[in-house]
C-alpha atoms as a PDB file:
ATOM      1  CA  MET A   1       0.000   0.000   0.000  1.00  0.00           C
ATOM      2  CA  PRO A   2       1.599   3.283  -1.062  1.00  0.00           C
ATOM      3  CA  ARG A   3       2.169   6.008   1.482  1.00  0.00           C
ATOM      4  CA  SER A   4       0.372   9.277   1.056  1.00  0.00           C
ATOM      5  CA  SER A   5       2.480  12.308   0.434  1.00  0.00           C
ATOM      6  CA  ALA A   6       2.993  14.947   3.070  1.00  0.00           C
ATOM      7  CA  GLN A   7       0.784  17.349   1.113  1.00  0.00           C
ATOM      8  CA  GLU A   8      -2.083  14.841   0.991  1.00  0.00           C
ATOM      9  CA  GLU A   9      -1.767  14.235   4.711  1.00  0.00           C
ATOM     10  CA  LEU A  10      -1.752  17.966   5.407  1.00  0.00           C
ATOM     11  CA  ALA A  11      -4.861  18.413   3.256  1.00  0.00           C
ATOM     12  CA  ARG A  12      -6.597  15.584   5.130  1.00  0.00           C
ATOM     13  CA  LEU A  13      -5.720  17.141   8.493  1.00  0.00           C
ATOM     14  CA  ARG A  14      -6.993  20.543   7.356  1.00  0.00           C
ATOM     15  CA  ARG A  15     -10.325  19.026   6.292  1.00  0.00           C
ATOM     16  CA  ALA A  16     -10.635  17.243   9.621  1.00  0.00           C
ATOM     17  CA  TYR A  17      -9.817  20.462  11.492  1.00  0.00           C
ATOM     18  CA  GLU A  18     -12.419  22.457   9.548  1.00  0.00           C
ATOM     19  CA  SER A  19     -15.021  19.775  10.207  1.00  0.00           C
ATOM     20  CA  GLN A  20     -14.309  19.822  13.939  1.00  0.00           C
ATOM     21  CA  LYS A  21     -14.259  23.617  14.008  1.00  0.00           C
ATOM     22  CA  HIS A  22     -17.682  23.739  12.336  1.00  0.00           C
ATOM     23  CA  LEU A  23     -19.098  21.292  14.893  1.00  0.00           C
ATOM     24  CA  LEU A  24     -17.622  23.221  17.822  1.00  0.00           C
ATOM     25  CA  GLU A  25     -19.179  26.455  16.553  1.00  0.00           C
ATOM     26  CA  LYS A  26     -22.600  24.783  16.487  1.00  0.00           C
ATOM     27  CA  LEU A  27     -22.127  23.392  19.994  1.00  0.00           C
ATOM     28  CA  HIS A  28     -21.084  26.830  21.229  1.00  0.00           C
ATOM     29  CA  LYS A  29     -24.320  28.315  19.824  1.00  0.00           C
ATOM     30  CA  ILE A  30     -26.410  25.561  21.424  1.00  0.00           C
ATOM     31  CA  ARG A  31     -24.721  26.168  24.766  1.00  0.00           C
ATOM     32  CA  ALA A  32     -25.477  29.905  24.539  1.00  0.00           C
ATOM     33  CA  LEU A  33     -29.117  29.109  23.754  1.00  0.00           C
ATOM     34  CA  PHE A  34     -29.302  26.720  26.712  1.00  0.00           C
ATOM     35  CA  VAL A  35     -27.757  29.140  29.200  1.00  0.00           C
ATOM     36  CA  THR A  36     -30.115  31.893  28.076  1.00  0.00           C
ATOM     37  CA  ALA A  37     -33.213  29.671  28.097  1.00  0.00           C
ATOM     38  CA  TYR A  38     -32.314  28.121  31.464  1.00  0.00           C
ATOM     39  CA  SER A  39     -31.961  31.502  33.141  1.00  0.00           C
ATOM     40  CA  SER A  40     -35.283  32.765  31.774  1.00  0.00           C
ATOM     41  CA  THR A  41     -38.379  33.307  33.898  1.00  0.00           C
ATOM     42  CA  GLN A  42     -40.692  32.159  31.081  1.00  0.00           C
ATOM     43  CA  PRO A  43     -42.749  28.940  31.493  1.00  0.00           C
ATOM     44  CA  ALA A  44     -40.464  25.925  31.153  1.00  0.00           C
ATOM     45  CA  GLU A  45     -42.702  24.054  28.687  1.00  0.00           C
ATOM     46  CA  LYS A  46     -42.858  26.929  26.212  1.00  0.00           C
ATOM     47  CA  MET A  47     -39.184  27.769  26.683  1.00  0.00           C
ATOM     48  CA  GLY A  48     -38.178  24.136  26.166  1.00  0.00           C
ATOM     49  CA  LEU A  49     -40.173  23.876  22.966  1.00  0.00           C
ATOM     50  CA  GLU A  50     -38.621  27.025  21.520  1.00  0.00           C
ATOM     51  CA  PHE A  51     -35.174  25.849  22.623  1.00  0.00           C
ATOM     52  CA  MET A  52     -35.584  22.523  20.813  1.00  0.00           C
ATOM     53  CA  TYR A  53     -36.707  24.214  17.590  1.00  0.00           C
ATOM     54  CA  ALA A  54     -33.779  26.639  17.843  1.00  0.00           C
ATOM     55  CA  VAL A  55     -31.333  23.756  18.354  1.00  0.00           C
ATOM     56  CA  GLY A  56     -32.692  22.093  15.226  1.00  0.00           C
ATOM     57  CA  ASP A  57     -32.254  25.304  13.259  1.00  0.00           C
ATOM     58  CA  VAL A  58     -28.675  25.710  14.527  1.00  0.00           C
ATOM     59  CA  LEU A  59     -27.871  22.122  13.542  1.00  0.00           C
ATOM     60  CA  GLU A  60     -29.237  22.870  10.077  1.00  0.00           C
ATOM     61  CA  GLY A  61     -26.774  25.764   9.819  1.00  0.00           C
ATOM     62  CA  GLN A  62     -28.879  28.803  10.651  1.00  0.00           C
ATOM     63  CA  ARG A  63     -27.156  31.782  12.243  1.00  0.00           C
ATOM     64  CA  VAL A  64     -28.309  32.931  15.687  1.00  0.00           C
ATOM     65  CA  GLU A  65     -29.270  36.280  14.170  1.00  0.00           C
ATOM     66  CA  ASP A  66     -31.726  34.470  11.859  1.00  0.00           C
ATOM     67  CA  LEU A  67     -33.377  32.193  14.431  1.00  0.00           C
ATOM     68  CA  ASN A  68     -37.105  32.570  15.028  1.00  0.00           C
ATOM     69  CA  LEU A  69     -36.966  33.418  18.755  1.00  0.00           C
ATOM     70  CA  ARG A  70     -39.919  34.803  20.681  1.00  0.00           C
ATOM     71  CA  LEU A  71     -39.273  33.751  24.276  1.00  0.00           C
ATOM     72  CA  ILE A  72     -35.496  33.362  24.241  1.00  0.00           C
ATOM     73  CA  SER A  73     -33.731  36.712  24.109  1.00  0.00           C
ATOM     74  CA  ARG A  74     -31.605  36.891  20.959  1.00  0.00           C
ATOM     75  CA  GLU A  75     -29.545  39.703  22.498  1.00  0.00           C
ATOM     76  CA  GLU A  76     -28.741  37.572  25.551  1.00  0.00           C
ATOM     77  CA  VAL A  77     -27.797  34.617  23.346  1.00  0.00           C
ATOM     78  CA  LEU A  78     -25.460  36.829  21.319  1.00  0.00           C
ATOM     79  CA  ARG A  79     -23.974  38.254  24.509  1.00  0.00           C
ATOM     80  CA  GLU A  80     -23.411  34.751  25.854  1.00  0.00           C
ATOM     81  CA  LEU A  81     -21.717  33.819  22.577  1.00  0.00           C
ATOM     82  CA  SER A  82     -19.374  36.782  22.763  1.00  0.00           C
ATOM     83  CA  ASP A  83     -18.606  36.216  26.463  1.00  0.00           C
ATOM     84  CA  GLY A  84     -17.768  32.603  25.796  1.00  0.00           C
END
């Protein structure tokens, strides 16, 4: 079995890194949504439903700015994202 060249290996590692980076960005957004929803004083059932729809939208690639949020504060989610 022939060995791959150093350039092919580097390209493979870059693709793997970009894939992981993309996943971590989504998880970071979901965490910000969770922290914001959890600290809300809204009814848990309604908040949970909106949270689950928002998580689905994030997993599909939607930006936080474009999410359809009514109970979860978009501004707080964005603040949580920037605070880390």
